[in-house]
Amino acid sequence: MDSQSVKVDATVTFGSRGFDAGKKINGRKRHLLTDTLGLLLAVLVTPASVTDRDGAREFLPQAAGRFRRLARVWADGGYTGHLTDWTAQHLGLVLDIVRRSKDVRGFQPLPRRWVVERSFAWFLRSRRLVRDYERRTDTSEAVIRWSMIALMNHRLAAHSLISALLCRQREPPGLRLHQPAPFHQPLQPCSRALDA
């Protein structure tokens, strides 16, 4: 779990934007909860003036209700304090705070924290998410979900293409064991690609 402050366009109303004094950004804050692969579980868009702890208190109950197997959440130092006790009491979740060691200088990838940071980087590949252009926060959340759906579809399509190419490479010339599937049927991998 982490948050990201982004600037907003001039069309965004003043009621849905705020000033993040820590990062000196006038805009909105995106609160993300991802799984261990970095795929989106929950998102909440708030004014940038909302603290990380307050944003987590708002969207963690919804995520815990939707994902019953959710038991542990990793977060950065911005979520320290009463939130760890609150999540254990009210939600039954373990909130682990991943801290930097004090003796390390410069960049250091922190365990489990880089996963959500990588998800933020994936979102910034979408041009529409570099800056927040949406007038409403729920529309902004929908655009974030849309970007993650596009990313997962791209990965699934690439996986299907790779398995089809592997199958064609392993077949002897002149012998077609695997016929191309019509558009209405999913592509099935051939047995030779699975044996390798």
Protein backbone atom coordinates (compact mmCIF):
# COMPACT_ATOMS: atom_id res chain seq x y z
CA MET A 1 0.00 0.00 0.00
CA ASP A 2 1.28 3.42 -0.91
CA SER A 3 0.17 6.79 -2.20
CA GLN A 4 1.29 9.09 -4.99
CA SER A 5 0.64 12.81 -5.34
CA VAL A 6 0.03 14.08 -8.87
CA LYS A 7 -0.60 17.49 -10.33
CA VAL A 8 -4.02 18.27 -11.75
CA ASP A 9 -5.23 20.06 -14.83
CA ALA A 10 -6.89 23.47 -14.71
CA THR A 11 -10.30 21.84 -15.31
CA VAL A 12 -10.22 20.09 -11.91
CA THR A 13 -12.38 21.86 -9.33
CA PHE A 14 -10.81 23.32 -6.20
CA GLY A 15 -12.97 21.16 -3.94
CA SER A 16 -11.34 17.95 -5.14
CA ARG A 17 -7.73 19.14 -5.03
CA GLY A 18 -5.40 19.95 -2.18
CA PHE A 19 -1.80 20.80 -1.36
CA ASP A 20 0.66 18.10 -0.34
CA ALA A 21 3.16 20.04 1.76
CA GLY A 22 5.67 17.18 1.90
CA LYS A 23 6.03 16.94 -1.88
CA LYS A 24 4.94 20.52 -2.64
CA ILE A 25 2.28 19.41 -5.11
CA ASN A 26 -1.08 21.07 -5.62
CA GLY A 27 -3.32 18.27 -6.86
CA ARG A 28 -4.67 14.88 -5.91
CA LYS A 29 -3.33 11.83 -4.13
CA ARG A 30 -3.77 8.26 -5.41
CA HIS A 31 -3.88 5.60 -2.70
CA LEU A 32 -3.13 2.12 -4.06
CA LEU A 33 -3.36 -1.37 -2.65
CA THR A 34 -1.71 -4.04 -4.79
CA ASP A 35 -1.10 -7.76 -4.50
CA THR A 36 2.39 -9.25 -4.34
CA LEU A 37 2.64 -9.16 -8.16
CA GLY A 38 1.83 -5.46 -8.29
CA LEU A 39 -1.67 -5.89 -9.72
CA LEU A 40 -4.28 -3.46 -8.49
CA LEU A 41 -6.62 -4.53 -5.67
CA ALA A 42 -8.05 -1.19 -4.54
CA VAL A 43 -7.67 2.48 -5.42
CA LEU A 44 -8.84 5.71 -3.83
CA VAL A 45 -8.31 9.22 -5.19
CA THR A 46 -8.44 12.08 -2.68
CA PRO A 47 -7.23 15.67 -2.50
CA ALA A 48 -3.47 15.77 -1.98
CA SER A 49 -3.93 17.33 1.46
CA VAL A 50 -5.30 14.01 2.84
CA THR A 51 -2.63 12.17 4.80
CA ASP A 52 -1.64 8.60 3.99
CA ARG A 53 -3.11 7.31 7.26
CA ASP A 54 -6.48 8.98 6.68
CA GLY A 55 -6.64 7.66 3.12
CA ALA A 56 -5.85 4.15 4.34
CA ARG A 57 -8.60 4.34 6.97
CA GLU A 58 -11.02 5.24 4.21
CA PHE A 59 -10.23 2.53 1.67
CA LEU A 60 -8.83 -0.40 3.68
CA PRO A 61 -12.26 -1.46 5.10
CA GLN A 62 -13.66 -1.72 1.57
CA ALA A 63 -10.66 -3.74 0.40
CA ALA A 64 -10.81 -6.05 3.44
CA GLY A 65 -14.50 -6.68 2.77
CA ARG A 66 -13.94 -7.38 -0.91
CA PHE A 67 -10.83 -9.56 -0.52
CA ARG A 68 -11.52 -11.99 2.31
CA ARG A 69 -8.08 -13.65 2.07
CA LEU A 70 -6.29 -10.34 2.66
CA ALA A 71 -4.34 -10.83 5.88
CA ARG A 72 -1.15 -8.74 5.66
CA VAL A 73 -0.47 -5.31 4.20
CA TRP A 74 2.98 -3.81 3.69
CA ALA A 75 3.27 -0.03 3.84
CA ASP A 76 5.91 2.68 4.13
CA GLY A 77 6.73 4.96 7.05
CA GLY A 78 3.87 7.36 6.23
CA TYR A 79 1.42 4.84 7.68
CA THR A 80 3.04 4.54 11.13
CA GLY A 81 1.21 5.41 14.30
CA HIS A 82 -2.29 4.49 15.42
CA LEU A 83 -3.16 2.94 12.03
CA THR A 84 -1.36 -0.33 12.79
CA ASP A 85 -3.44 -0.88 15.94
CA TRP A 86 -6.62 0.26 14.20
CA THR A 87 -6.24 -2.21 11.32
CA ALA A 88 -5.58 -5.07 13.75
CA GLN A 89 -8.58 -4.21 15.94
CA HIS A 90 -11.21 -3.29 13.36
CA LEU A 91 -10.17 -5.19 10.24
CA GLY A 92 -8.14 -8.12 11.52
CA LEU A 93 -5.24 -7.18 9.22
CA VAL A 94 -1.55 -7.11 10.03
CA LEU A 95 -0.04 -3.82 8.87
CA ASP A 96 3.73 -4.20 8.43
CA ILE A 97 5.67 -0.96 8.15
CA VAL A 98 8.74 -1.37 5.94
CA ARG A 99 11.39 1.11 7.04
CA ARG A 100 14.71 2.11 5.57
CA SER A 101 17.74 1.27 7.63
CA LYS A 102 19.29 4.44 9.04
CA ASP A 103 22.87 3.63 8.05
CA VAL A 104 22.18 3.30 4.29
CA ARG A 105 22.60 6.35 2.09
CA GLY A 106 21.19 6.82 -1.41
CA PHE A 107 18.78 4.53 -3.16
CA GLN A 108 17.97 1.17 -1.66
CA PRO A 109 15.08 -1.04 -2.87
CA LEU A 110 13.06 -1.97 0.17
CA PRO A 111 11.49 -5.41 0.44
CA ARG A 112 7.83 -5.47 -0.64
CA ARG A 113 7.78 -1.68 -1.09
CA TRP A 114 9.18 -1.73 -4.61
CA VAL A 115 6.13 -3.73 -5.79
CA VAL A 116 3.69 -0.86 -5.37
CA GLU A 117 6.26 1.66 -6.63
CA ARG A 118 6.58 -0.42 -9.79
CA SER A 119 2.79 -0.30 -10.17
CA PHE A 120 2.92 3.50 -10.03
CA ALA A 121 5.55 3.40 -12.77
CA TRP A 122 3.30 1.17 -14.88
CA PHE A 123 0.49 3.69 -14.50
CA LEU A 124 2.70 6.56 -15.59
CA ARG A 125 3.20 4.80 -18.92
CA SER A 126 -0.41 5.75 -19.62
CA ARG A 127 -0.30 9.31 -20.87
CA ARG A 128 -3.63 10.13 -19.30
CA LEU A 129 -2.35 9.26 -15.81
CA VAL A 130 0.77 11.44 -15.83
CA ARG A 131 -1.44 14.30 -14.68
CA ASP A 132 -4.99 14.11 -13.35
CA TYR A 133 -7.37 15.54 -15.95
CA GLU A 134 -10.65 14.24 -14.53
CA ARG A 135 -13.18 16.54 -12.88
CA ARG A 136 -14.48 13.86 -10.51
CA THR A 137 -12.42 11.55 -8.30
CA ASP A 138 -14.47 8.45 -9.14
CA THR A 139 -13.73 9.02 -12.83
CA SER A 140 -10.05 9.27 -11.98
CA GLU A 141 -10.25 5.94 -10.11
CA ALA A 142 -11.96 4.39 -13.14
CA VAL A 143 -9.14 5.57 -15.43
CA ILE A 144 -6.59 3.94 -13.10
CA ARG A 145 -8.55 0.66 -13.19
CA TRP A 146 -8.84 0.96 -16.95
CA SER A 147 -5.07 1.34 -17.27
CA MET A 148 -4.48 -1.78 -15.15
CA ILE A 149 -7.00 -3.75 -17.23
CA ALA A 150 -5.18 -2.69 -20.40
CA LEU A 151 -1.85 -3.76 -18.88
CA MET A 152 -3.20 -7.20 -17.91
CA ASN A 153 -4.83 -7.69 -21.33
CA HIS A 154 -1.53 -6.83 -23.00
CA ARG A 155 0.28 -9.40 -20.88
CA LEU A 156 -2.30 -12.09 -21.58
CA ALA A 157 -2.19 -11.42 -25.33
CA ALA A 158 1.61 -11.54 -25.32
CA HIS A 159 1.53 -14.84 -23.43
CA SER A 160 -0.91 -16.34 -25.97
CA LEU A 161 1.25 -15.19 -28.86
CA ILE A 162 4.43 -16.61 -27.33
CA SER A 163 2.84 -20.01 -26.68
CA ALA A 164 1.53 -20.10 -30.27
CA LEU A 165 4.96 -19.24 -31.66
CA LEU A 166 6.64 -21.88 -29.49
CA CYS A 167 4.18 -24.45 -30.74
CA ARG A 168 4.88 -23.62 -34.39
CA GLN A 169 8.65 -23.72 -33.90
CA ARG A 170 8.57 -27.22 -32.43
CA GLU A 171 6.38 -28.81 -35.11
CA PRO A 172 8.20 -30.64 -37.91
CA PRO A 173 7.92 -28.93 -41.30
CA GLY A 174 4.89 -30.03 -43.29
CA LEU A 175 3.04 -31.34 -40.24
CA ARG A 176 0.48 -29.06 -38.55
CA LEU A 177 -0.54 -30.45 -35.19
CA HIS A 178 -2.09 -27.21 -34.04
CA GLN A 179 -4.59 -25.37 -36.22
CA PRO A 180 -5.13 -21.66 -35.59
CA ALA A 181 -8.16 -21.14 -33.33
CA PRO A 182 -11.08 -19.04 -34.55
CA PHE A 183 -11.65 -15.69 -32.86
CA HIS A 184 -14.51 -16.96 -30.70
CA GLN A 185 -12.42 -19.77 -29.13
CA PRO A 186 -9.47 -19.26 -26.79
CA LEU A 187 -6.06 -20.29 -28.09
CA GLN A 188 -5.03 -23.66 -26.61
CA PRO A 189 -1.29 -24.36 -26.19
CA CYS A 190 -0.05 -27.43 -27.99
CA SER A 191 1.32 -30.37 -26.07
CA ARG A 192 4.81 -29.97 -27.53
CA ALA A 193 5.19 -26.45 -26.11
CA LEU A 194 4.24 -27.71 -22.67
CA ASP A 195 6.72 -30.61 -22.79
CA ALA A 196 9.74 -28.35 -23.26
